[in-house]
Amino acid sequence: MGIRQDKALKNWNRGQRQSAGTGSLWLLIVLGILSGVLLYWYTVPQKAPSWVRGRLPGMPEYTGPLYRWHDGRGQLQITGKPPRNQPYDIIQYRSDTNVVLPKTP
């Protein structure tokens, strides 16, 4: 090979290495962004779109809180709004849980 051809081959190889490194860098950036979005949706599932929520593993969806309290007659009440001037407990439950009060005699 002549000197000119050898120099052209070295320049071509250098360009290939630089473009391969740039492609890998962009791939890492895209994968990092995708991982960040998926992690955010996994930790805050109520912010994820509905088509994603069903595919996220392990995190059950929780509903809004319920309020458990006793009225003036001592009867247990569970409501969706907190009572006024009454002490109450906040209950969190999963969306796939059946919420039924036990029968009292």
PDB file of N, CA and C in Angstrom:
ATOM      1  N   MET A   1       0.838  -1.179   0.000  1.00  0.00           N
ATOM      2  CA  MET A   1       0.000   0.000   0.000  1.00  0.00           C
ATOM      3  C   MET A   1       0.877   1.234   0.000  1.00  0.00           C
ATOM      4  N   GLY A   2       0.382   2.257  -0.617  1.00  0.00           N
ATOM      5  CA  GLY A   2       1.113   3.502  -0.620  1.00  0.00           C
ATOM      6  C   GLY A   2       0.851   4.280   0.666  1.00  0.00           C
ATOM      7  N   ILE A   3       1.630   5.312   0.872  1.00  0.00           N
ATOM      8  CA  ILE A   3       1.491   6.122   2.084  1.00  0.00           C
ATOM      9  C   ILE A   3       0.123   6.798   2.118  1.00  0.00           C
ATOM     10  N   ARG A   4      -0.313   7.269   0.997  1.00  0.00           N
ATOM     11  CA  ARG A   4      -1.606   7.954   0.930  1.00  0.00           C
ATOM     12  C   ARG A   4      -2.743   6.989   1.267  1.00  0.00           C
ATOM     13  N   GLN A   5      -2.725   5.784   0.744  1.00  0.00           N
ATOM     14  CA  GLN A   5      -3.762   4.791   1.032  1.00  0.00           C
ATOM     15  C   GLN A   5      -3.730   4.380   2.499  1.00  0.00           C
ATOM     16  N   ASP A   6      -2.535   4.208   3.058  1.00  0.00           N
ATOM     17  CA  ASP A   6      -2.387   3.826   4.466  1.00  0.00           C
ATOM     18  C   ASP A   6      -2.975   4.911   5.378  1.00  0.00           C
ATOM     19  N   LYS A   7      -2.704   6.173   5.052  1.00  0.00           N
ATOM     20  CA  LYS A   7      -3.227   7.293   5.841  1.00  0.00           C
ATOM     21  C   LYS A   7      -4.751   7.364   5.729  1.00  0.00           C
ATOM     22  N   ALA A   8      -5.281   7.126   4.533  1.00  0.00           N
ATOM     23  CA  ALA A   8      -6.729   7.143   4.337  1.00  0.00           C
ATOM     24  C   ALA A   8      -7.393   6.011   5.113  1.00  0.00           C
ATOM     25  N   LEU A   9      -6.765   4.844   5.149  1.00  0.00           N
ATOM     26  CA  LEU A   9      -7.301   3.706   5.892  1.00  0.00           C
ATOM     27  C   LEU A   9      -7.313   3.998   7.394  1.00  0.00           C
ATOM     28  N   LYS A  10      -6.255   4.613   7.917  1.00  0.00           N
ATOM     29  CA  LYS A  10      -6.206   4.971   9.344  1.00  0.00           C
ATOM     30  C   LYS A  10      -7.299   5.989   9.680  1.00  0.00           C
ATOM     31  N   ASN A  11      -7.477   6.985   8.830  1.00  0.00           N
ATOM     32  CA  ASN A  11      -8.529   7.984   9.064  1.00  0.00           C
ATOM     33  C   ASN A  11      -9.916   7.344   9.025  1.00  0.00           C
ATOM     34  N   TRP A  12     -10.126   6.414   8.089  1.00  0.00           N
ATOM     35  CA  TRP A  12     -11.413   5.735   7.995  1.00  0.00           C
ATOM     36  C   TRP A  12     -11.666   4.903   9.252  1.00  0.00           C
ATOM     37  N   ASN A  13     -10.662   4.168   9.736  1.00  0.00           N
ATOM     38  CA  ASN A  13     -10.798   3.373  10.956  1.00  0.00           C
ATOM     39  C   ASN A  13     -11.090   4.260  12.163  1.00  0.00           C
ATOM     40  N   ARG A  14     -10.441   5.409  12.256  1.00  0.00           N
ATOM     41  CA  ARG A  14     -10.665   6.330  13.362  1.00  0.00           C
ATOM     42  C   ARG A  14     -12.106   6.845  13.333  1.00  0.00           C
ATOM     43  N   GLY A  15     -12.612   7.162  12.159  1.00  0.00           N
ATOM     44  CA  GLY A  15     -13.998   7.622  12.024  1.00  0.00           C
ATOM     45  C   GLY A  15     -14.994   6.549  12.423  1.00  0.00           C
ATOM     46  N   GLN A  16     -14.702   5.300  12.066  1.00  0.00           N
ATOM     47  CA  GLN A  16     -15.589   4.195  12.450  1.00  0.00           C
ATOM     48  C   GLN A  16     -15.622   4.022  13.961  1.00  0.00           C
ATOM     49  N   ARG A  17     -14.468   4.113  14.618  1.00  0.00           N
ATOM     50  CA  ARG A  17     -14.421   3.968  16.078  1.00  0.00           C
ATOM     51  C   ARG A  17     -15.170   5.105  16.757  1.00  0.00           C
ATOM     52  N   GLN A  18     -15.026   6.321  16.265  1.00  0.00           N
ATOM     53  CA  GLN A  18     -15.712   7.461  16.868  1.00  0.00           C
ATOM     54  C   GLN A  18     -17.220   7.336  16.696  1.00  0.00           C
ATOM     55  N   SER A  19     -17.682   6.926  15.529  1.00  0.00           N
ATOM     56  CA  SER A  19     -19.126   6.802  15.328  1.00  0.00           C
ATOM     57  C   SER A  19     -19.690   5.642  16.140  1.00  0.00           C
ATOM     58  N   ALA A  20     -18.930   4.570  16.312  1.00  0.00           N
ATOM     59  CA  ALA A  20     -19.398   3.457  17.145  1.00  0.00           C
ATOM     60  C   ALA A  20     -19.505   3.906  18.595  1.00  0.00           C
ATOM     61  N   GLY A  21     -18.579   4.693  19.069  1.00  0.00           N
ATOM     62  CA  GLY A  21     -18.639   5.215  20.433  1.00  0.00           C
ATOM     63  C   GLY A  21     -19.804   6.163  20.618  1.00  0.00           C
ATOM     64  N   THR A  22     -20.094   6.982  19.624  1.00  0.00           N
ATOM     65  CA  THR A  22     -21.215   7.914  19.704  1.00  0.00           C
ATOM     66  C   THR A  22     -22.533   7.163  19.720  1.00  0.00           C
ATOM     67  N   GLY A  23     -22.648   6.120  18.911  1.00  0.00           N
ATOM     68  CA  GLY A  23     -23.865   5.306  18.898  1.00  0.00           C
ATOM     69  C   GLY A  23     -24.095   4.628  20.237  1.00  0.00           C
ATOM     70  N   SER A  24     -23.042   4.117  20.834  1.00  0.00           N
ATOM     71  CA  SER A  24     -23.165   3.479  22.149  1.00  0.00           C
ATOM     72  C   SER A  24     -23.571   4.489  23.206  1.00  0.00           C
ATOM     73  N   LEU A  25     -23.036   5.686  23.122  1.00  0.00           N
ATOM     74  CA  LEU A  25     -23.380   6.731  24.081  1.00  0.00           C
ATOM     75  C   LEU A  25     -24.865   7.091  23.979  1.00  0.00           C
ATOM     76  N   TRP A  26     -25.378   7.238  22.763  1.00  0.00           N
ATOM     77  CA  TRP A  26     -26.792   7.560  22.579  1.00  0.00           C
ATOM     78  C   TRP A  26     -27.689   6.424  23.062  1.00  0.00           C
ATOM     79  N   LEU A  27     -27.257   5.203  22.821  1.00  0.00           N
ATOM     80  CA  LEU A  27     -28.015   4.052  23.295  1.00  0.00           C
ATOM     81  C   LEU A  27     -28.086   4.053  24.823  1.00  0.00           C
ATOM     82  N   LEU A  28     -26.979   4.331  25.484  1.00  0.00           N
ATOM     83  CA  LEU A  28     -26.971   4.410  26.951  1.00  0.00           C
ATOM     84  C   LEU A  28     -27.870   5.529  27.462  1.00  0.00           C
ATOM     85  N   ILE A  29     -27.861   6.669  26.793  1.00  0.00           N
ATOM     86  CA  ILE A  29     -28.712   7.787  27.204  1.00  0.00           C
ATOM     87  C   ILE A  29     -30.186   7.413  27.076  1.00  0.00           C
ATOM     88  N   VAL A  30     -30.566   6.817  25.959  1.00  0.00           N
ATOM     89  CA  VAL A  30     -31.968   6.425  25.743  1.00  0.00           C
ATOM     90  C   VAL A  30     -32.395   5.368  26.759  1.00  0.00           C
ATOM     91  N   LEU A  31     -31.539   4.369  26.996  1.00  0.00           N
ATOM     92  CA  LEU A  31     -31.863   3.348  27.991  1.00  0.00           C
ATOM     93  C   LEU A  31     -31.961   3.934  29.397  1.00  0.00           C
ATOM     94  N   GLY A  32     -31.119   4.899  29.714  1.00  0.00           N
ATOM     95  CA  GLY A  32     -31.183   5.563  31.016  1.00  0.00           C
ATOM     96  C   GLY A  32     -32.487   6.324  31.201  1.00  0.00           C
ATOM     97  N   ILE A  33     -32.915   7.035  30.172  1.00  0.00           N
ATOM     98  CA  ILE A  33     -34.182   7.778  30.247  1.00  0.00           C
ATOM     99  C   ILE A  33     -35.354   6.818  30.386  1.00  0.00           C
ATOM    100  N   LEU A  34     -35.364   5.755  29.585  1.00  0.00           N
ATOM    101  CA  LEU A  34     -36.433   4.757  29.677  1.00  0.00           C
ATOM    102  C   LEU A  34     -36.473   4.111  31.060  1.00  0.00           C
ATOM    103  N   SER A  35     -35.317   3.771  31.595  1.00  0.00           N
ATOM    104  CA  SER A  35     -35.263   3.178  32.930  1.00  0.00           C
ATOM    105  C   SER A  35     -35.782   4.138  33.984  1.00  0.00           C
ATOM    106  N   GLY A  36     -35.444   5.407  33.855  1.00  0.00           N
ATOM    107  CA  GLY A  36     -35.919   6.409  34.808  1.00  0.00           C
ATOM    108  C   GLY A  36     -37.431   6.555  34.781  1.00  0.00           C
ATOM    109  N   VAL A  37     -38.008   6.570  33.593  1.00  0.00           N
ATOM    110  CA  VAL A  37     -39.465   6.684  33.469  1.00  0.00           C
ATOM    111  C   VAL A  37     -40.152   5.452  34.051  1.00  0.00           C
ATOM    112  N   LEU A  38     -39.625   4.266  33.738  1.00  0.00           N
ATOM    113  CA  LEU A  38     -40.219   3.041  34.277  1.00  0.00           C
ATOM    114  C   LEU A  38     -40.092   2.974  35.794  1.00  0.00           C
ATOM    115  N   LEU A  39     -38.975   3.397  36.350  1.00  0.00           N
ATOM    116  CA  LEU A  39     -38.805   3.417  37.800  1.00  0.00           C
ATOM    117  C   LEU A  39     -39.778   4.395  38.450  1.00  0.00           C
ATOM    118  N   TYR A  40     -39.975   5.557  37.827  1.00  0.00           N
ATOM    119  CA  TYR A  40     -40.925   6.536  38.354  1.00  0.00           C
ATOM    120  C   TYR A  40     -42.343   5.958  38.353  1.00  0.00           C
ATOM    121  N   TRP A  41     -42.737   5.334  37.257  1.00  0.00           N
ATOM    122  CA  TRP A  41     -44.075   4.736  37.181  1.00  0.00           C
ATOM    123  C   TRP A  41     -44.221   3.585  38.166  1.00  0.00           C
ATOM    124  N   TYR A  42     -43.135   2.846  38.416  1.00  0.00           N
ATOM    125  CA  TYR A  42     -43.190   1.720  39.348  1.00  0.00           C
ATOM    126  C   TYR A  42     -43.371   2.218  40.784  1.00  0.00           C
ATOM    127  N   THR A  43     -42.694   3.294  41.133  1.00  0.00           N
ATOM    128  CA  THR A  43     -42.784   3.806  42.502  1.00  0.00           C
ATOM    129  C   THR A  43     -44.013   4.681  42.718  1.00  0.00           C
ATOM    130  N   VAL A  44     -44.553   5.272  41.676  1.00  0.00           N
ATOM    131  CA  VAL A  44     -45.757   6.103  41.780  1.00  0.00           C
ATOM    132  C   VAL A  44     -46.755   5.602  40.733  1.00  0.00           C
ATOM    133  N   PRO A  45     -47.387   4.424  40.972  1.00  0.00           N
ATOM    134  CA  PRO A  45     -48.219   3.817  39.931  1.00  0.00           C
ATOM    135  C   PRO A  45     -49.447   4.638  39.564  1.00  0.00           C
ATOM    136  N   GLN A  46     -49.950   5.487  40.451  1.00  0.00           N
ATOM    137  CA  GLN A  46     -51.128   6.285  40.098  1.00  0.00           C
ATOM    138  C   GLN A  46     -50.806   7.340  39.046  1.00  0.00           C
ATOM    139  N   LYS A  47     -49.537   7.657  38.836  1.00  0.00           N
ATOM    140  CA  LYS A  47     -49.138   8.611  37.801  1.00  0.00           C
ATOM    141  C   LYS A  47     -48.929   7.937  36.442  1.00  0.00           C
ATOM    142  N   ALA A  48     -48.827   6.624  36.427  1.00  0.00           N
ATOM    143  CA  ALA A  48     -48.591   5.899  35.179  1.00  0.00           C
ATOM    144  C   ALA A  48     -49.872   5.848  34.353  1.00  0.00           C
ATOM    145  N   PRO A  49     -49.748   5.844  33.033  1.00  0.00           N
ATOM    146  CA  PRO A  49     -50.937   5.686  32.186  1.00  0.00           C
ATOM    147  C   PRO A  49     -51.613   4.338  32.453  1.00  0.00           C
ATOM    148  N   SER A  50     -52.893   4.259  32.205  1.00  0.00           N
ATOM    149  CA  SER A  50     -53.644   3.038  32.521  1.00  0.00           C
ATOM    150  C   SER A  50     -53.114   1.826  31.759  1.00  0.00           C
ATOM    151  N   TRP A  51     -52.626   2.009  30.545  1.00  0.00           N
ATOM    152  CA  TRP A  51     -52.123   0.877  29.770  1.00  0.00           C
ATOM    153  C   TRP A  51     -50.808   0.354  30.345  1.00  0.00           C
ATOM    154  N   VAL A  52     -50.132   1.144  31.188  1.00  0.00           N
ATOM    155  CA  VAL A  52     -48.882   0.704  31.812  1.00  0.00           C
ATOM    156  C   VAL A  52     -49.155   0.059  33.165  1.00  0.00           C
ATOM    157  N   ARG A  53     -50.149   0.569  33.896  1.00  0.00           N
ATOM    158  CA  ARG A  53     -50.418   0.103  35.257  1.00  0.00           C
ATOM    159  C   ARG A  53     -50.627  -1.398  35.357  1.00  0.00           C
ATOM    160  N   GLY A  54     -51.320  -1.988  34.411  1.00  0.00           N
ATOM    161  CA  GLY A  54     -51.573  -3.419  34.450  1.00  0.00           C
ATOM    162  C   GLY A  54     -50.335  -4.259  34.186  1.00  0.00           C
ATOM    163  N   ARG A  55     -49.312  -3.653  33.638  1.00  0.00           N
ATOM    164  CA  ARG A  55     -48.097  -4.393  33.304  1.00  0.00           C
ATOM    165  C   ARG A  55     -46.979  -4.217  34.328  1.00  0.00           C
ATOM    166  N   LEU A  56     -47.164  -3.325  35.312  1.00  0.00           N
ATOM    167  CA  LEU A  56     -46.131  -3.131  36.323  1.00  0.00           C
ATOM    168  C   LEU A  56     -46.174  -4.270  37.331  1.00  0.00           C
ATOM    169  N   PRO A  57     -45.052  -4.892  37.618  1.00  0.00           N
ATOM    170  CA  PRO A  57     -45.054  -6.027  38.545  1.00  0.00           C
ATOM    171  C   PRO A  57     -45.050  -5.596  40.009  1.00  0.00           C
ATOM    172  N   GLY A  58     -45.759  -6.346  40.823  1.00  0.00           N
ATOM    173  CA  GLY A  58     -45.584  -6.262  42.257  1.00  0.00           C
ATOM    174  C   GLY A  58     -46.256  -5.148  43.029  1.00  0.00           C
ATOM    175  N   MET A  59     -46.585  -4.043  42.446  1.00  0.00           N
ATOM    176  CA  MET A  59     -47.126  -2.926  43.207  1.00  0.00           C
ATOM    177  C   MET A  59     -48.653  -2.926  43.099  1.00  0.00           C
ATOM    178  N   PRO A  60     -49.353  -3.292  44.166  1.00  0.00           N
ATOM    179  CA  PRO A  60     -50.810  -3.247  44.100  1.00  0.00           C
ATOM    180  C   PRO A  60     -51.292  -1.801  44.086  1.00  0.00           C
ATOM    181  N   GLU A  61     -52.390  -1.594  43.433  1.00  0.00           N
ATOM    182  CA  GLU A  61     -52.937  -0.251  43.366  1.00  0.00           C
ATOM    183  C   GLU A  61     -53.812  -0.025  44.593  1.00  0.00           C
ATOM    184  N   TYR A  62     -53.587   1.063  45.264  1.00  0.00           N
ATOM    185  CA  TYR A  62     -54.350   1.387  46.454  1.00  0.00           C
ATOM    186  C   TYR A  62     -55.422   2.420  46.116  1.00  0.00           C
ATOM    187  N   THR A  63     -56.533   2.303  46.806  1.00  0.00           N
ATOM    188  CA  THR A  63     -57.616   3.250  46.593  1.00  0.00           C
ATOM    189  C   THR A  63     -57.449   4.415  47.561  1.00  0.00           C
ATOM    190  N   GLY A  64     -58.353   5.355  47.481  1.00  0.00           N
ATOM    191  CA  GLY A  64     -58.331   6.466  48.422  1.00  0.00           C
ATOM    192  C   GLY A  64     -58.617   5.972  49.828  1.00  0.00           C
ATOM    193  N   PRO A  65     -58.346   6.774  50.819  1.00  0.00           N
ATOM    194  CA  PRO A  65     -58.525   6.318  52.199  1.00  0.00           C
ATOM    195  C   PRO A  65     -59.998   6.230  52.599  1.00  0.00           C
ATOM    196  N   LEU A  66     -60.270   5.348  53.546  1.00  0.00           N
ATOM    197  CA  LEU A  66     -61.568   5.278  54.217  1.00  0.00           C
ATOM    198  C   LEU A  66     -61.350   5.733  55.654  1.00  0.00           C
ATOM    199  N   TYR A  67     -62.408   6.182  56.291  1.00  0.00           N
ATOM    200  CA  TYR A  67     -62.310   6.696  57.652  1.00  0.00           C
ATOM    201  C   TYR A  67     -63.180   5.847  58.563  1.00  0.00           C
ATOM    202  N   ARG A  68     -62.574   5.289  59.620  1.00  0.00           N
ATOM    203  CA  ARG A  68     -63.288   4.436  60.567  1.00  0.00           C
ATOM    204  C   ARG A  68     -63.452   5.230  61.865  1.00  0.00           C
ATOM    205  N   TRP A  69     -64.725   5.302  62.344  1.00  0.00           N
ATOM    206  CA  TRP A  69     -65.000   6.062  63.555  1.00  0.00           C
ATOM    207  C   TRP A  69     -66.274   5.544  64.202  1.00  0.00           C
ATOM    208  N   HIS A  70     -66.543   5.950  65.413  1.00  0.00           N
ATOM    209  CA  HIS A  70     -67.749   5.557  66.139  1.00  0.00           C
ATOM    210  C   HIS A  70     -68.644   6.783  66.294  1.00  0.00           C
ATOM    211  N   ASP A  71     -69.926   6.586  65.998  1.00  0.00           N
ATOM    212  CA  ASP A  71     -70.866   7.698  66.124  1.00  0.00           C
ATOM    213  C   ASP A  71     -71.271   7.891  67.593  1.00  0.00           C
ATOM    214  N   GLY A  72     -72.213   8.795  67.852  1.00  0.00           N
ATOM    215  CA  GLY A  72     -72.663   9.115  69.208  1.00  0.00           C
ATOM    216  C   GLY A  72     -73.269   7.932  69.941  1.00  0.00           C
ATOM    217  N   ARG A  73     -73.815   6.959  69.236  1.00  0.00           N
ATOM    218  CA  ARG A  73     -74.409   5.773  69.862  1.00  0.00           C
ATOM    219  C   ARG A  73     -73.405   4.635  70.008  1.00  0.00           C
ATOM    220  N   GLY A  74     -72.153   4.857  69.588  1.00  0.00           N
ATOM    221  CA  GLY A  74     -71.130   3.826  69.696  1.00  0.00           C
ATOM    222  C   GLY A  74     -71.076   2.877  68.521  1.00  0.00           C
ATOM    223  N   GLN A  75     -71.860   3.161  67.481  1.00  0.00           N
ATOM    224  CA  GLN A  75     -71.873   2.311  66.295  1.00  0.00           C
ATOM    225  C   GLN A  75     -70.643   2.596  65.423  1.00  0.00           C
ATOM    226  N   LEU A  76     -70.031   1.533  64.939  1.00  0.00           N
ATOM    227  CA  LEU A  76     -68.878   1.674  64.046  1.00  0.00           C
ATOM    228  C   LEU A  76     -69.351   2.211  62.706  1.00  0.00           C
ATOM    229  N   GLN A  77     -68.672   3.224  62.224  1.00  0.00           N
ATOM    230  CA  GLN A  77     -68.971   3.828  60.926  1.00  0.00           C
ATOM    231  C   GLN A  77     -67.702   3.808  60.086  1.00  0.00           C
ATOM    232  N   ILE A  78     -67.844   3.486  58.819  1.00  0.00           N
ATOM    233  CA  ILE A  78     -66.737   3.587  57.858  1.00  0.00           C
ATOM    234  C   ILE A  78     -67.264   4.407  56.686  1.00  0.00           C
ATOM    235  N   THR A  79     -66.630   5.537  56.457  1.00  0.00           N
ATOM    236  CA  THR A  79     -67.112   6.465  55.433  1.00  0.00           C
ATOM    237  C   THR A  79     -65.967   6.916  54.541  1.00  0.00           C
ATOM    238  N   GLY A  80     -66.335   7.543  53.450  1.00  0.00           N
ATOM    239  CA  GLY A  80     -65.352   8.080  52.514  1.00  0.00           C
ATOM    240  C   GLY A  80     -64.877   9.468  52.881  1.00  0.00           C
ATOM    241  N   LYS A  81     -65.564  10.129  53.818  1.00  0.00           N
ATOM    242  CA  LYS A  81     -65.170  11.461  54.282  1.00  0.00           C
ATOM    243  C   LYS A  81     -64.952  11.417  55.788  1.00  0.00           C
ATOM    244  N   PRO A  82     -63.976  12.138  56.288  1.00  0.00           N
ATOM    245  CA  PRO A  82     -63.750  12.122  57.740  1.00  0.00           C
ATOM    246  C   PRO A  82     -64.888  12.835  58.477  1.00  0.00           C
ATOM    247  N   PRO A  83     -65.233  12.354  59.661  1.00  0.00           N
ATOM    248  CA  PRO A  83     -66.299  13.006  60.425  1.00  0.00           C
ATOM    249  C   PRO A  83     -65.791  14.297  61.073  1.00  0.00           C
ATOM    250  N   ARG A  84     -66.732  15.169  61.384  1.00  0.00           N
ATOM    251  CA  ARG A  84     -66.369  16.397  62.094  1.00  0.00           C
ATOM    252  C   ARG A  84     -66.449  16.141  63.593  1.00  0.00           C
ATOM    253  N   ASN A  85     -65.503  16.665  64.303  1.00  0.00           N
ATOM    254  CA  ASN A  85     -65.478  16.614  65.770  1.00  0.00           C
ATOM    255  C   ASN A  85     -65.531  15.198  66.321  1.00  0.00           C
ATOM    256  N   GLN A  86     -65.006  14.237  65.612  1.00  0.00           N
ATOM    257  CA  GLN A  86     -64.947  12.846  66.067  1.00  0.00           C
ATOM    258  C   GLN A  86     -63.542  12.317  65.793  1.00  0.00           C
ATOM    259  N   PRO A  87     -62.978  11.553  66.722  1.00  0.00           N
ATOM    260  CA  PRO A  87     -61.700  10.903  66.397  1.00  0.00           C
ATOM    261  C   PRO A  87     -61.943   9.784  65.372  1.00  0.00           C
ATOM    262  N   TYR A  88     -61.013   9.594  64.483  1.00  0.00           N
ATOM    263  CA  TYR A  88     -61.175   8.566  63.444  1.00  0.00           C
ATOM    264  C   TYR A  88     -59.824   7.969  63.084  1.00  0.00           C
ATOM    265  N   ASP A  89     -59.864   6.793  62.485  1.00  0.00           N
ATOM    266  CA  ASP A  89     -58.683   6.122  61.962  1.00  0.00           C
ATOM    267  C   ASP A  89     -58.768   6.137  60.442  1.00  0.00           C
ATOM    268  N   ILE A  90     -57.618   6.291  59.812  1.00  0.00           N
ATOM    269  CA  ILE A  90     -57.556   6.244  58.346  1.00  0.00           C
ATOM    270  C   ILE A  90     -57.222   4.821  57.940  1.00  0.00           C
ATOM    271  N   ILE A  91     -57.991   4.270  56.986  1.00  0.00           N
ATOM    272  CA  ILE A  91     -57.796   2.906  56.510  1.00  0.00           C
ATOM    273  C   ILE A  91     -57.386   2.974  55.043  1.00  0.00           C
ATOM    274  N   GLN A  92     -56.262   2.342  54.711  1.00  0.00           N
ATOM    275  CA  GLN A  92     -55.852   2.188  53.320  1.00  0.00           C
ATOM    276  C   GLN A  92     -56.092   0.727  52.937  1.00  0.00           C
ATOM    277  N   TYR A  93     -56.637   0.480  51.780  1.00  0.00           N
ATOM    278  CA  TYR A  93     -56.846  -0.887  51.337  1.00  0.00           C
ATOM    279  C   TYR A  93     -56.561  -0.999  49.851  1.00  0.00           C
ATOM    280  N   ARG A  94     -56.215  -2.199  49.445  1.00  0.00           N
ATOM    281  CA  ARG A  94     -55.908  -2.452  48.041  1.00  0.00           C
ATOM    282  C   ARG A  94     -57.184  -2.472  47.218  1.00  0.00           C
ATOM    283  N   SER A  95     -57.060  -2.148  45.950  1.00  0.00           N
ATOM    284  CA  SER A  95     -58.235  -2.102  45.078  1.00  0.00           C
ATOM    285  C   SER A  95     -58.838  -3.485  44.838  1.00  0.00           C
ATOM    286  N   ASP A  96     -58.059  -4.543  45.019  1.00  0.00           N
ATOM    287  CA  ASP A  96     -58.602  -5.876  44.796  1.00  0.00           C
ATOM    288  C   ASP A  96     -59.090  -6.525  46.097  1.00  0.00           C
ATOM    289  N   THR A  97     -59.256  -5.734  47.156  1.00  0.00           N
ATOM    290  CA  THR A  97     -59.742  -6.229  48.441  1.00  0.00           C
ATOM    291  C   THR A  97     -61.239  -5.963  48.550  1.00  0.00           C
ATOM    292  N   ASN A  98     -61.963  -6.929  49.056  1.00  0.00           N
ATOM    293  CA  ASN A  98     -63.389  -6.775  49.265  1.00  0.00           C
ATOM    294  C   ASN A  98     -63.608  -6.159  50.647  1.00  0.00           C
ATOM    295  N   VAL A  99     -64.245  -5.011  50.713  1.00  0.00           N
ATOM    296  CA  VAL A  99     -64.465  -4.322  51.977  1.00  0.00           C
ATOM    297  C   VAL A  99     -65.909  -4.538  52.399  1.00  0.00           C
ATOM    298  N   VAL A 100     -66.094  -5.391  53.411  1.00  0.00           N
ATOM    299  CA  VAL A 100     -67.435  -5.695  53.919  1.00  0.00           C
ATOM    300  C   VAL A 100     -67.355  -5.658  55.440  1.00  0.00           C
ATOM    301  N   LEU A 101     -68.278  -4.966  56.055  1.00  0.00           N
ATOM    302  CA  LEU A 101     -68.321  -4.905  57.514  1.00  0.00           C
ATOM    303  C   LEU A 101     -68.852  -6.202  58.084  1.00  0.00           C
ATOM    304  N   PRO A 102     -68.308  -6.654  59.215  1.00  0.00           N
ATOM    305  CA  PRO A 102     -68.865  -7.862  59.836  1.00  0.00           C
ATOM    306  C   PRO A 102     -70.233  -7.555  60.442  1.00  0.00           C
ATOM    307  N   LYS A 103     -71.101  -8.559  60.508  1.00  0.00           N
ATOM    308  CA  LYS A 103     -72.414  -8.383  61.118  1.00  0.00           C
ATOM    309  C   LYS A 103     -72.252  -8.298  62.622  1.00  0.00           C
ATOM    310  N   THR A 104     -72.935  -7.360  63.222  1.00  0.00           N
ATOM    311  CA  THR A 104     -72.902  -7.232  64.681  1.00  0.00           C
ATOM    312  C   THR A 104     -74.249  -7.677  65.241  1.00  0.00           C
ATOM    313  N   PRO A 105     -74.238  -8.381  66.359  1.00  0.00           N
ATOM    314  CA  PRO A 105     -75.518  -8.875  66.930  1.00  0.00           C
ATOM    315  C   PRO A 105     -76.371  -7.768  67.492  1.00  0.00           C
TER     316      PRO A 105
END
